[in-house]
């Protein structure tokens, strides 16, 4: 994204974004008594919660940034059936 902004070049098509880690499987593996609210003061609970929340928020922010950059510099249009749009950027 930074390269596209610096050179005013369109983003590549089909850009895949990194996804946040899903902590659901970890939660399901733990006994329910370990995840009770009474354990909030323990270090592991706080670290786990911080990782889960920051991963989700980071993923959402990345999606927003890509949309904003795409609105500024566009996206490469491969022009699959048309010679008119070949190689041009779409804004």
PDB file of N, CA and C in Angstrom:
ATOM      1  N   UNK A   1       0.827  -1.185   0.000  1.00  0.00           N
ATOM      2  CA  UNK A   1       0.000   0.000   0.000  1.00  0.00           C
ATOM      3  C   UNK A   1       0.872   1.249   0.000  1.00  0.00           C
ATOM      4  N   UNK A   2       1.941   1.244   0.770  1.00  0.00           N
ATOM      5  CA  UNK A   2       2.781   2.435   0.831  1.00  0.00           C
ATOM      6  C   UNK A   2       3.469   2.687  -0.512  1.00  0.00           C
ATOM      7  N   UNK A   3       3.863   1.612  -1.189  1.00  0.00           N
ATOM      8  CA  UNK A   3       4.474   1.773  -2.507  1.00  0.00           C
ATOM      9  C   UNK A   3       3.493   2.341  -3.516  1.00  0.00           C
ATOM     10  N   UNK A   4       2.258   1.888  -3.467  1.00  0.00           N
ATOM     11  CA  UNK A   4       1.233   2.404  -4.375  1.00  0.00           C
ATOM     12  C   UNK A   4       0.988   3.883  -4.124  1.00  0.00           C
ATOM     13  N   UNK A   5       0.970   4.271  -2.859  1.00  0.00           N
ATOM     14  CA  UNK A   5       0.764   5.677  -2.531  1.00  0.00           C
ATOM     15  C   UNK A   5       1.958   6.530  -2.953  1.00  0.00           C
ATOM     16  N   UNK A   6       3.168   6.041  -2.692  1.00  0.00           N
ATOM     17  CA  UNK A   6       4.374   6.818  -3.007  1.00  0.00           C
ATOM     18  C   UNK A   6       4.539   7.027  -4.508  1.00  0.00           C
ATOM     19  N   UNK A   7       4.192   6.024  -5.313  1.00  0.00           N
ATOM     20  CA  UNK A   7       4.398   6.115  -6.760  1.00  0.00           C
ATOM     21  C   UNK A   7       3.115   6.415  -7.523  1.00  0.00           C
ATOM     22  N   UNK A   8       2.023   6.630  -6.823  1.00  0.00           N
ATOM     23  CA  UNK A   8       0.707   6.825  -7.440  1.00  0.00           C
ATOM     24  C   UNK A   8       0.420   5.702  -8.430  1.00  0.00           C
ATOM     25  N   UNK A   9       0.711   4.487  -7.984  1.00  0.00           N
ATOM     26  CA  UNK A   9       0.482   3.297  -8.805  1.00  0.00           C
ATOM     27  C   UNK A   9      -0.722   2.553  -8.247  1.00  0.00           C
ATOM     28  N   UNK A  10      -1.515   1.952  -9.103  1.00  0.00           N
ATOM     29  CA  UNK A  10      -2.695   1.231  -8.616  1.00  0.00           C
ATOM     30  C   UNK A  10      -2.319  -0.012  -7.825  1.00  0.00           C
ATOM     31  N   UNK A  11      -3.203  -0.390  -6.945  1.00  0.00           N
ATOM     32  CA  UNK A  11      -3.018  -1.619  -6.177  1.00  0.00           C
ATOM     33  C   UNK A  11      -3.204  -2.824  -7.088  1.00  0.00           C
ATOM     34  N   UNK A  12      -2.536  -3.925  -6.780  1.00  0.00           N
ATOM     35  CA  UNK A  12      -2.743  -5.125  -7.597  1.00  0.00           C
ATOM     36  C   UNK A  12      -4.148  -5.676  -7.389  1.00  0.00           C
ATOM     37  N   UNK A  13      -4.695  -6.294  -8.431  1.00  0.00           N
ATOM     38  CA  UNK A  13      -6.024  -6.892  -8.269  1.00  0.00           C
ATOM     39  C   UNK A  13      -5.951  -8.119  -7.372  1.00  0.00           C
ATOM     40  N   UNK A  14      -7.054  -8.467  -6.792  1.00  0.00           N
ATOM     41  CA  UNK A  14      -7.168  -9.657  -5.953  1.00  0.00           C
ATOM     42  C   UNK A  14      -6.196  -9.627  -4.775  1.00  0.00           C
ATOM     43  N   UNK A  15      -5.969  -8.452  -4.225  1.00  0.00           N
ATOM     44  CA  UNK A  15      -5.073  -8.292  -3.088  1.00  0.00           C
ATOM     45  C   UNK A  15      -5.648  -9.022  -1.878  1.00  0.00           C
ATOM     46  N   UNK A  16      -4.900  -9.965  -1.349  1.00  0.00           N
ATOM     47  CA  UNK A  16      -5.386 -10.703  -0.180  1.00  0.00           C
ATOM     48  C   UNK A  16      -4.834 -10.067   1.088  1.00  0.00           C
ATOM     49  N   UNK A  17      -5.696  -9.885   2.044  1.00  0.00           N
ATOM     50  CA  UNK A  17      -5.315  -9.258   3.298  1.00  0.00           C
ATOM     51  C   UNK A  17      -5.001 -10.309   4.348  1.00  0.00           C
ATOM     52  N   UNK A  18      -4.041 -10.009   5.216  1.00  0.00           N
ATOM     53  CA  UNK A  18      -3.804 -10.954   6.309  1.00  0.00           C
ATOM     54  C   UNK A  18      -4.999 -10.959   7.254  1.00  0.00           C
ATOM     55  N   UNK A  19      -5.361 -12.104   7.746  1.00  0.00           N
ATOM     56  CA  UNK A  19      -6.492 -12.233   8.649  1.00  0.00           C
ATOM     57  C   UNK A  19      -6.003 -12.383  10.071  1.00  0.00           C
ATOM     58  N   UNK A  20      -6.802 -11.906  10.984  1.00  0.00           N
ATOM     59  CA  UNK A  20      -6.484 -12.053  12.395  1.00  0.00           C
ATOM     60  C   UNK A  20      -6.547 -13.512  12.815  1.00  0.00           C
ATOM     61  N   UNK A  21      -5.834 -13.818  13.842  1.00  0.00           N
ATOM     62  CA  UNK A  21      -5.807 -15.176  14.365  1.00  0.00           C
ATOM     63  C   UNK A  21      -7.120 -15.465  15.074  1.00  0.00           C
ATOM     64  N   UNK A  22      -7.658 -16.621  14.850  1.00  0.00           N
ATOM     65  CA  UNK A  22      -8.884 -17.020  15.534  1.00  0.00           C
ATOM     66  C   UNK A  22      -8.522 -17.736  16.831  1.00  0.00           C
ATOM     67  N   UNK A  23      -8.980 -17.180  17.917  1.00  0.00           N
ATOM     68  CA  UNK A  23      -8.701 -17.761  19.221  1.00  0.00           C
ATOM     69  C   UNK A  23      -9.828 -18.695  19.670  1.00  0.00           C
ATOM     70  N   UNK A  24     -10.800 -18.894  18.818  1.00  0.00           N
ATOM     71  CA  UNK A  24     -11.937 -19.740  19.170  1.00  0.00           C
ATOM     72  C   UNK A  24     -11.505 -21.173  19.477  1.00  0.00           C
ATOM     73  N   UNK A  25     -10.595 -21.721  18.694  1.00  0.00           N
ATOM     74  CA  UNK A  25     -10.166 -23.104  18.937  1.00  0.00           C
ATOM     75  C   UNK A  25      -9.448 -23.231  20.277  1.00  0.00           C
ATOM     76  N   UNK A  26      -8.694 -22.215  20.649  1.00  0.00           N
ATOM     77  CA  UNK A  26      -8.004 -22.245  21.939  1.00  0.00           C
ATOM     78  C   UNK A  26      -9.021 -22.192  23.077  1.00  0.00           C
ATOM     79  N   UNK A  27     -10.038 -21.360  22.909  1.00  0.00           N
ATOM     80  CA  UNK A  27     -11.072 -21.239  23.934  1.00  0.00           C
ATOM     81  C   UNK A  27     -11.826 -22.555  24.098  1.00  0.00           C
ATOM     82  N   UNK A  28     -12.121 -23.215  22.989  1.00  0.00           N
ATOM     83  CA  UNK A  28     -12.878 -24.467  23.038  1.00  0.00           C
ATOM     84  C   UNK A  28     -12.070 -25.606  23.666  1.00  0.00           C
ATOM     85  N   UNK A  29     -10.732 -25.524  23.584  1.00  0.00           N
ATOM     86  CA  UNK A  29      -9.887 -26.573  24.157  1.00  0.00           C
ATOM     87  C   UNK A  29      -9.763 -26.454  25.675  1.00  0.00           C
ATOM     88  N   UNK A  30      -9.951 -25.273  26.203  1.00  0.00           N
ATOM     89  CA  UNK A  30      -9.791 -25.031  27.634  1.00  0.00           C
ATOM     90  C   UNK A  30     -11.022 -25.455  28.411  1.00  0.00           C
ATOM     91  N   UNK A  31     -10.804 -25.933  29.632  1.00  0.00           N
ATOM     92  CA  UNK A  31     -11.961 -26.204  30.498  1.00  0.00           C
ATOM     93  C   UNK A  31     -12.681 -24.892  30.825  1.00  0.00           C
ATOM     94  N   UNK A  32     -13.997 -24.897  30.877  1.00  0.00           N
ATOM     95  CA  UNK A  32     -14.768 -23.663  31.113  1.00  0.00           C
ATOM     96  C   UNK A  32     -14.380 -22.915  32.392  1.00  0.00           C
ATOM     97  N   UNK A  33     -13.942 -23.638  33.425  1.00  0.00           N
ATOM     98  CA  UNK A  33     -13.601 -22.955  34.668  1.00  0.00           C
ATOM     99  C   UNK A  33     -12.351 -22.087  34.536  1.00  0.00           C
ATOM    100  N   UNK A  34     -11.483 -22.371  33.549  1.00  0.00           N
ATOM    101  CA  UNK A  34     -10.288 -21.545  33.342  1.00  0.00           C
ATOM    102  C   UNK A  34     -10.625 -20.196  32.705  1.00  0.00           C
ATOM    103  N   UNK A  35     -11.763 -20.097  32.051  1.00  0.00           N
ATOM    104  CA  UNK A  35     -12.120 -18.870  31.347  1.00  0.00           C
ATOM    105  C   UNK A  35     -13.121 -18.010  32.119  1.00  0.00           C
ATOM    106  N   UNK A  36     -13.344 -18.335  33.364  1.00  0.00           N
ATOM    107  CA  UNK A  36     -14.286 -17.553  34.169  1.00  0.00           C
ATOM    108  C   UNK A  36     -13.714 -16.170  34.462  1.00  0.00           C
ATOM    109  N   UNK A  37     -14.612 -15.249  34.722  1.00  0.00           N
ATOM    110  CA  UNK A  37     -14.234 -13.860  34.961  1.00  0.00           C
ATOM    111  C   UNK A  37     -13.373 -13.692  36.215  1.00  0.00           C
ATOM    112  N   UNK A  38     -13.441 -14.608  37.131  1.00  0.00           N
ATOM    113  CA  UNK A  38     -12.666 -14.508  38.373  1.00  0.00           C
ATOM    114  C   UNK A  38     -11.160 -14.610  38.115  1.00  0.00           C
ATOM    115  N   UNK A  39     -10.746 -15.075  36.943  1.00  0.00           N
ATOM    116  CA  UNK A  39      -9.329 -15.204  36.597  1.00  0.00           C
ATOM    117  C   UNK A  39      -8.780 -13.975  35.870  1.00  0.00           C
ATOM    118  N   UNK A  40      -9.551 -12.922  35.810  1.00  0.00           N
ATOM    119  CA  UNK A  40      -9.140 -11.727  35.079  1.00  0.00           C
ATOM    120  C   UNK A  40      -7.819 -11.156  35.587  1.00  0.00           C
ATOM    121  N   UNK A  41      -7.537 -11.260  36.848  1.00  0.00           N
ATOM    122  CA  UNK A  41      -6.315 -10.698  37.421  1.00  0.00           C
ATOM    123  C   UNK A  41      -5.058 -11.471  37.083  1.00  0.00           C
ATOM    124  N   UNK A  42      -5.174 -12.661  36.566  1.00  0.00           N
ATOM    125  CA  UNK A  42      -4.003 -13.463  36.239  1.00  0.00           C
ATOM    126  C   UNK A  42      -3.370 -12.993  34.934  1.00  0.00           C
ATOM    127  N   UNK A  43      -2.036 -13.095  34.869  1.00  0.00           N
ATOM    128  CA  UNK A  43      -1.286 -12.605  33.707  1.00  0.00           C
ATOM    129  C   UNK A  43      -1.722 -13.256  32.398  1.00  0.00           C
ATOM    130  N   UNK A  44      -1.872 -14.547  32.382  1.00  0.00           N
ATOM    131  CA  UNK A  44      -2.225 -15.243  31.150  1.00  0.00           C
ATOM    132  C   UNK A  44      -3.562 -14.817  30.587  1.00  0.00           C
ATOM    133  N   UNK A  45      -4.506 -14.560  31.459  1.00  0.00           N
ATOM    134  CA  UNK A  45      -5.840 -14.133  31.026  1.00  0.00           C
ATOM    135  C   UNK A  45      -5.765 -12.778  30.337  1.00  0.00           C
ATOM    136  N   UNK A  46      -5.033 -11.859  30.933  1.00  0.00           N
ATOM    137  CA  UNK A  46      -4.909 -10.511  30.357  1.00  0.00           C
ATOM    138  C   UNK A  46      -4.181 -10.546  29.016  1.00  0.00           C
ATOM    139  N   UNK A  47      -3.131 -11.328  28.936  1.00  0.00           N
ATOM    140  CA  UNK A  47      -2.370 -11.425  27.684  1.00  0.00           C
ATOM    141  C   UNK A  47      -3.235 -12.038  26.588  1.00  0.00           C
ATOM    142  N   UNK A  48      -3.937 -13.100  26.914  1.00  0.00           N
ATOM    143  CA  UNK A  48      -4.812 -13.756  25.945  1.00  0.00           C
ATOM    144  C   UNK A  48      -5.878 -12.786  25.439  1.00  0.00           C
ATOM    145  N   UNK A  49      -6.505 -12.067  26.358  1.00  0.00           N
ATOM    146  CA  UNK A  49      -7.544 -11.102  25.975  1.00  0.00           C
ATOM    147  C   UNK A  49      -6.983  -9.997  25.094  1.00  0.00           C
ATOM    148  N   UNK A  50      -5.819  -9.485  25.452  1.00  0.00           N
ATOM    149  CA  UNK A  50      -5.201  -8.419  24.662  1.00  0.00           C
ATOM    150  C   UNK A  50      -4.863  -8.898  23.255  1.00  0.00           C
ATOM    151  N   UNK A  51      -4.348 -10.102  23.140  1.00  0.00           N
ATOM    152  CA  UNK A  51      -4.027 -10.645  21.816  1.00  0.00           C
ATOM    153  C   UNK A  51      -5.269 -10.845  20.968  1.00  0.00           C
ATOM    154  N   UNK A  52      -6.312 -11.367  21.571  1.00  0.00           N
ATOM    155  CA  UNK A  52      -7.546 -11.614  20.825  1.00  0.00           C
ATOM    156  C   UNK A  52      -8.153 -10.314  20.315  1.00  0.00           C
ATOM    157  N   UNK A  53      -8.220  -9.314  21.174  1.00  0.00           N
ATOM    158  CA  UNK A  53      -8.825  -8.029  20.787  1.00  0.00           C
ATOM    159  C   UNK A  53      -7.950  -7.299  19.769  1.00  0.00           C
ATOM    160  N   UNK A  54      -6.642  -7.231  20.005  1.00  0.00           N
ATOM    161  CA  UNK A  54      -5.769  -6.500  19.084  1.00  0.00           C
ATOM    162  C   UNK A  54      -5.708  -7.171  17.710  1.00  0.00           C
ATOM    163  N   UNK A  55      -5.777  -8.490  17.665  1.00  0.00           N
ATOM    164  CA  UNK A  55      -5.787  -9.192  16.388  1.00  0.00           C
ATOM    165  C   UNK A  55      -7.026  -8.832  15.578  1.00  0.00           C
ATOM    166  N   UNK A  56      -8.172  -8.824  16.225  1.00  0.00           N
ATOM    167  CA  UNK A  56      -9.418  -8.487  15.544  1.00  0.00           C
ATOM    168  C   UNK A  56      -9.416  -7.027  15.077  1.00  0.00           C
ATOM    169  N   UNK A  57      -8.972  -6.114  15.941  1.00  0.00           N
ATOM    170  CA  UNK A  57      -8.954  -4.696  15.575  1.00  0.00           C
ATOM    171  C   UNK A  57      -7.940  -4.411  14.472  1.00  0.00           C
ATOM    172  N   UNK A  58      -6.783  -5.060  14.538  1.00  0.00           N
ATOM    173  CA  UNK A  58      -5.775  -4.874  13.492  1.00  0.00           C
ATOM    174  C   UNK A  58      -6.272  -5.312  12.128  1.00  0.00           C
ATOM    175  N   UNK A  59      -6.988  -6.407  12.096  1.00  0.00           N
ATOM    176  CA  UNK A  59      -7.551  -6.916  10.845  1.00  0.00           C
ATOM    177  C   UNK A  59      -8.560  -5.935  10.262  1.00  0.00           C
ATOM    178  N   UNK A  60      -9.415  -5.392  11.121  1.00  0.00           N
ATOM    179  CA  UNK A  60     -10.407  -4.413  10.646  1.00  0.00           C
ATOM    180  C   UNK A  60      -9.741  -3.142  10.128  1.00  0.00           C
ATOM    181  N   UNK A  61      -8.714  -2.661  10.819  1.00  0.00           N
ATOM    182  CA  UNK A  61      -8.022  -1.453  10.383  1.00  0.00           C
ATOM    183  C   UNK A  61      -7.319  -1.660   9.040  1.00  0.00           C
ATOM    184  N   UNK A  62      -6.748  -2.845   8.850  1.00  0.00           N
ATOM    185  CA  UNK A  62      -6.086  -3.142   7.580  1.00  0.00           C
ATOM    186  C   UNK A  62      -7.095  -3.099   6.430  1.00  0.00           C
ATOM    187  N   UNK A  63      -8.284  -3.645   6.636  1.00  0.00           N
ATOM    188  CA  UNK A  63      -9.322  -3.596   5.609  1.00  0.00           C
ATOM    189  C   UNK A  63      -9.699  -2.153   5.275  1.00  0.00           C
ATOM    190  N   UNK A  64      -9.836  -1.332   6.298  1.00  0.00           N
ATOM    191  CA  UNK A  64     -10.165   0.084   6.078  1.00  0.00           C
ATOM    192  C   UNK A  64      -9.063   0.804   5.317  1.00  0.00           C
ATOM    193  N   UNK A  65      -7.811   0.534   5.670  1.00  0.00           N
ATOM    194  CA  UNK A  65      -6.686   1.181   4.988  1.00  0.00           C
ATOM    195  C   UNK A  65      -6.643   0.805   3.512  1.00  0.00           C
ATOM    196  N   UNK A  66      -6.867  -0.467   3.214  1.00  0.00           N
ATOM    197  CA  UNK A  66      -6.856  -0.898   1.810  1.00  0.00           C
ATOM    198  C   UNK A  66      -7.964  -0.195   1.030  1.00  0.00           C
ATOM    199  N   UNK A  67      -9.143  -0.067   1.612  1.00  0.00           N
ATOM    200  CA  UNK A  67     -10.242   0.631   0.931  1.00  0.00           C
ATOM    201  C   UNK A  67      -9.884   2.084   0.664  1.00  0.00           C
ATOM    202  N   UNK A  68      -9.273   2.736   1.632  1.00  0.00           N
ATOM    203  CA  UNK A  68      -8.888   4.139   1.458  1.00  0.00           C
ATOM    204  C   UNK A  68      -7.804   4.302   0.399  1.00  0.00           C
ATOM    205  N   UNK A  69      -6.793   3.446   0.435  1.00  0.00           N
ATOM    206  CA  UNK A  69      -5.723   3.529  -0.566  1.00  0.00           C
ATOM    207  C   UNK A  69      -6.278   3.228  -1.946  1.00  0.00           C
ATOM    208  N   UNK A  70      -7.167   2.253  -2.031  1.00  0.00           N
ATOM    209  CA  UNK A  70      -7.787   1.917  -3.318  1.00  0.00           C
ATOM    210  C   UNK A  70      -8.577   3.099  -3.870  1.00  0.00           C
ATOM    211  N   UNK A  71      -9.229   3.856  -2.983  1.00  0.00           N
ATOM    212  CA  UNK A  71      -9.987   5.021  -3.445  1.00  0.00           C
ATOM    213  C   UNK A  71      -9.057   6.136  -3.922  1.00  0.00           C
ATOM    214  N   UNK A  72      -7.831   6.177  -3.411  1.00  0.00           N
ATOM    215  CA  UNK A  72      -6.877   7.205  -3.828  1.00  0.00           C
ATOM    216  C   UNK A  72      -6.137   6.848  -5.108  1.00  0.00           C
ATOM    217  N   UNK A  73      -5.623   5.628  -5.216  1.00  0.00           N
ATOM    218  CA  UNK A  73      -4.775   5.270  -6.355  1.00  0.00           C
ATOM    219  C   UNK A  73      -5.431   4.282  -7.311  1.00  0.00           C
ATOM    220  N   UNK A  74      -6.552   3.698  -6.936  1.00  0.00           N
ATOM    221  CA  UNK A  74      -7.247   2.765  -7.823  1.00  0.00           C
ATOM    222  C   UNK A  74      -6.720   1.355  -7.702  1.00  0.00           C
ATOM    223  N   UNK A  75      -7.171   0.524  -8.620  1.00  0.00           N
ATOM    224  CA  UNK A  75      -6.794  -0.880  -8.662  1.00  0.00           C
ATOM    225  C   UNK A  75      -6.553  -1.249 -10.120  1.00  0.00           C
ATOM    226  N   UNK A  76      -5.573  -2.087 -10.372  1.00  0.00           N
ATOM    227  CA  UNK A  76      -5.272  -2.491 -11.747  1.00  0.00           C
ATOM    228  C   UNK A  76      -6.475  -3.222 -12.329  1.00  0.00           C
ATOM    229  N   UNK A  77      -6.875  -2.818 -13.533  1.00  0.00           N
ATOM    230  CA  UNK A  77      -7.946  -3.502 -14.251  1.00  0.00           C
ATOM    231  C   UNK A  77      -7.291  -4.341 -15.326  1.00  0.00           C
ATOM    232  N   UNK A  78      -7.420  -5.636 -15.211  1.00  0.00           N
ATOM    233  CA  UNK A  78      -6.764  -6.519 -16.164  1.00  0.00           C
ATOM    234  C   UNK A  78      -7.457  -6.542 -17.519  1.00  0.00           C
ATOM    235  N   UNK A  79      -8.667  -6.025 -17.606  1.00  0.00           N
ATOM    236  CA  UNK A  79      -9.375  -5.924 -18.873  1.00  0.00           C
ATOM    237  C   UNK A  79      -9.511  -7.241 -19.594  1.00  0.00           C
ATOM    238  N   UNK A  80     -10.096  -8.237 -18.928  1.00  0.00           N
ATOM    239  CA  UNK A  80     -10.162  -9.578 -19.464  1.00  0.00           C
ATOM    240  C   UNK A  80     -10.885  -9.680 -20.789  1.00  0.00           C
ATOM    241  N   UNK A  81     -11.772  -8.961 -21.155  1.00  0.00           N
ATOM    242  CA  UNK A  81     -12.434  -9.168 -22.442  1.00  0.00           C
ATOM    243  C   UNK A  81     -12.404  -7.929 -23.307  1.00  0.00           C
ATOM    244  N   UNK A  82     -11.695  -6.934 -22.878  1.00  0.00           N
ATOM    245  CA  UNK A  82     -11.753  -5.668 -23.585  1.00  0.00           C
ATOM    246  C   UNK A  82     -10.356  -5.103 -23.759  1.00  0.00           C
ATOM    247  N   UNK A  83     -10.046  -4.646 -24.954  1.00  0.00           N
ATOM    248  CA  UNK A  83      -8.757  -4.020 -25.212  1.00  0.00           C
ATOM    249  C   UNK A  83      -8.726  -2.571 -24.744  1.00  0.00           C
ATOM    250  N   UNK A  84      -9.896  -1.984 -24.488  1.00  0.00           N
ATOM    251  CA  UNK A  84      -9.977  -0.588 -24.091  1.00  0.00           C
ATOM    252  C   UNK A  84      -9.413  -0.341 -22.701  1.00  0.00           C
ATOM    253  N   UNK A  85      -9.608  -1.272 -21.770  1.00  0.00           N
ATOM    254  CA  UNK A  85      -9.214  -1.056 -20.385  1.00  0.00           C
ATOM    255  C   UNK A  85      -7.898  -1.742 -20.005  1.00  0.00           C
ATOM    256  N   UNK A  86      -7.200  -2.295 -20.955  1.00  0.00           N
ATOM    257  CA  UNK A  86      -6.038  -3.108 -20.644  1.00  0.00           C
ATOM    258  C   UNK A  86      -4.947  -2.290 -19.968  1.00  0.00           C
ATOM    259  N   UNK A  87      -4.588  -2.701 -18.747  1.00  0.00           N
ATOM    260  CA  UNK A  87      -3.492  -2.066 -18.026  1.00  0.00           C
ATOM    261  C   UNK A  87      -3.828  -0.756 -17.363  1.00  0.00           C
ATOM    262  N   UNK A  88      -5.018  -0.247 -17.526  1.00  0.00           N
ATOM    263  CA  UNK A  88      -5.373   1.019 -16.910  1.00  0.00           C
ATOM    264  C   UNK A  88      -5.796   0.796 -15.469  1.00  0.00           C
ATOM    265  N   UNK A  89      -5.710   1.872 -14.710  1.00  0.00           N
ATOM    266  CA  UNK A  89      -6.172   1.756 -13.332  1.00  0.00           C
ATOM    267  C   UNK A  89      -7.588   2.280 -13.233  1.00  0.00           C
ATOM    268  N   UNK A  90      -8.338   1.663 -12.367  1.00  0.00           N
ATOM    269  CA  UNK A  90      -9.727   2.022 -12.136  1.00  0.00           C
ATOM    270  C   UNK A  90      -9.805   2.719 -10.791  1.00  0.00           C
ATOM    271  N   UNK A  91     -10.447   3.878 -10.762  1.00  0.00           N
ATOM    272  CA  UNK A  91     -10.569   4.618  -9.500  1.00  0.00           C
ATOM    273  C   UNK A  91     -11.963   4.542  -9.001  1.00  0.00           C
TER     274      UNK A  91
END
